[in-house]
Amino acid sequence: MNLLSAVLFVAAMLSALIAMVSFWLPQLTPDQEKLSPYECGFDPLGSARLPFSMRFFLVAILFLLFDLEIALLLPLPWADQLPSPQTTVTWTAVVLILLTLALVYEWLQGGLEWAE
């Protein structure tokens, strides 16, 4: 237990030291270059605070949904070793049919159109 408390003490002291140094180390004098939203050398052409389109977020969420589908179906080849592989195949088919119907619905509603 003594070794554990020593490790915890050293970790706590290092964390406190790094936190204190991080407040003193940076230069806190902002100038025009630091406040500029662009760092590539080009002059800004418009506002950097333009809102994103909701269509962008919809496509991103759909991508995450179908990416999650692949993650859920990855263990499927090993599922045939279970006591009831027919049940596993049935549930997999139900999930795939449900996601396919959702994709068809989004397609018909125009949710996958990037530009209107």
Protein backbone atom coordinates (compact mmCIF):
# COMPACT_ATOMS: atom_id res chain seq x y z
CA MET A 1 0.00 0.00 0.00
CA ASN A 2 2.95 2.28 0.61
CA LEU A 3 4.07 2.04 -3.02
CA LEU A 4 0.56 2.85 -4.24
CA SER A 5 0.31 5.94 -2.05
CA ALA A 6 3.76 7.09 -3.24
CA VAL A 7 2.73 6.72 -6.88
CA LEU A 8 -0.52 8.60 -6.24
CA PHE A 9 1.37 11.36 -4.43
CA VAL A 10 3.90 11.75 -7.25
CA ALA A 11 1.12 11.77 -9.85
CA ALA A 12 -0.82 14.41 -7.92
CA MET A 13 2.25 16.60 -7.47
CA LEU A 14 3.21 16.31 -11.15
CA SER A 15 -0.34 17.20 -12.20
CA ALA A 16 -0.38 20.23 -9.91
CA LEU A 17 3.04 21.35 -11.14
CA ILE A 18 2.07 21.02 -14.81
CA ALA A 19 -1.21 22.88 -14.16
CA MET A 20 0.61 25.76 -12.46
CA VAL A 21 3.25 26.00 -15.19
CA SER A 22 0.56 26.04 -17.89
CA PHE A 23 -0.83 29.27 -16.40
CA TRP A 24 2.55 31.03 -16.34
CA LEU A 25 4.10 29.78 -19.56
CA PRO A 26 1.86 31.08 -22.39
CA GLN A 27 2.10 34.62 -23.66
CA LEU A 28 -1.19 36.36 -23.05
CA THR A 29 -0.64 39.34 -25.33
CA PRO A 30 -3.04 38.95 -28.26
CA ASP A 31 -2.24 40.90 -31.40
CA GLN A 32 -3.96 41.29 -34.77
CA GLU A 33 -2.38 38.13 -36.21
CA LYS A 34 -3.44 35.96 -33.27
CA LEU A 35 -6.99 37.27 -33.34
CA SER A 36 -7.35 36.59 -37.07
CA PRO A 37 -9.39 33.45 -37.85
CA TYR A 38 -7.11 32.58 -40.79
CA GLU A 39 -3.53 31.38 -40.44
CA CYS A 40 -2.68 30.55 -44.04
CA GLY A 41 -1.61 34.05 -45.11
CA PHE A 42 -4.68 34.88 -47.21
CA ASP A 43 -6.84 37.84 -46.40
CA PRO A 44 -10.29 36.78 -45.18
CA LEU A 45 -12.94 37.10 -47.89
CA GLY A 46 -16.01 36.99 -45.68
CA SER A 47 -17.16 36.36 -42.16
CA ALA A 48 -15.74 33.32 -40.38
CA ARG A 49 -18.94 33.00 -38.35
CA LEU A 50 -21.30 31.81 -41.08
CA PRO A 51 -23.70 29.13 -39.84
CA PHE A 52 -23.58 25.60 -41.22
CA SER A 53 -26.49 24.25 -43.16
CA MET A 54 -28.75 21.81 -41.32
CA ARG A 55 -28.39 19.50 -44.32
CA PHE A 56 -24.69 19.12 -43.43
CA PHE A 57 -25.59 17.91 -39.94
CA LEU A 58 -28.26 15.54 -41.30
CA VAL A 59 -25.79 13.89 -43.66
CA ALA A 60 -23.23 13.66 -40.84
CA ILE A 61 -25.73 11.97 -38.51
CA LEU A 62 -26.78 9.55 -41.25
CA PHE A 63 -23.12 8.70 -41.82
CA LEU A 64 -22.65 8.00 -38.11
CA LEU A 65 -25.78 5.87 -38.05
CA PHE A 66 -24.67 3.65 -40.89
CA ASP A 67 -21.12 3.57 -39.57
CA LEU A 68 -22.54 2.28 -36.29
CA GLU A 69 -24.43 -0.35 -38.26
CA ILE A 70 -21.14 -1.71 -39.57
CA ALA A 71 -19.73 -1.78 -36.04
CA LEU A 72 -22.75 -3.75 -34.86
CA LEU A 73 -22.48 -6.26 -37.71
CA LEU A 74 -18.73 -6.88 -37.39
CA PRO A 75 -19.02 -9.72 -34.82
CA LEU A 76 -21.55 -11.51 -37.02
CA PRO A 77 -19.15 -14.07 -38.57
CA TRP A 78 -18.30 -15.37 -35.09
CA ALA A 79 -21.97 -15.51 -34.07
CA ASP A 80 -22.51 -18.79 -35.93
CA GLN A 81 -20.68 -20.49 -33.05
CA LEU A 82 -23.50 -19.59 -30.67
CA PRO A 83 -26.00 -22.22 -29.54
CA SER A 84 -28.74 -20.77 -31.78
CA PRO A 85 -27.24 -19.25 -34.95
CA GLN A 86 -30.71 -19.05 -36.54
CA THR A 87 -31.77 -16.49 -33.92
CA THR A 88 -28.66 -14.42 -34.61
CA VAL A 89 -29.31 -14.44 -38.35
CA THR A 90 -32.96 -13.48 -37.76
CA TRP A 91 -32.08 -10.50 -35.57
CA THR A 92 -29.40 -9.42 -38.03
CA ALA A 93 -31.91 -9.54 -40.86
CA VAL A 94 -34.37 -7.48 -38.80
CA VAL A 95 -31.72 -4.81 -38.12
CA LEU A 96 -30.65 -4.69 -41.77
CA ILE A 97 -34.23 -4.49 -43.04
CA LEU A 98 -35.03 -1.70 -40.57
CA LEU A 99 -31.97 0.31 -41.57
CA THR A 100 -32.67 -0.27 -45.26
CA LEU A 101 -36.22 0.99 -44.82
CA ALA A 102 -34.89 4.05 -42.98
CA LEU A 103 -32.44 4.72 -45.80
CA VAL A 104 -35.18 4.41 -48.43
CA TYR A 105 -37.40 6.75 -46.41
CA GLU A 106 -34.63 9.37 -46.15
CA TRP A 107 -33.92 9.02 -49.85
CA LEU A 108 -37.56 9.50 -50.80
CA GLN A 109 -37.91 12.49 -48.47
CA GLY A 110 -34.88 14.15 -50.11
CA GLY A 111 -32.76 14.06 -46.98
CA LEU A 112 -29.71 12.85 -48.88
CA GLU A 113 -29.75 15.71 -51.38
CA TRP A 114 -26.73 17.85 -50.60
CA ALA A 115 -27.90 20.93 -52.53
CA GLU A 116 -31.44 22.06 -53.08
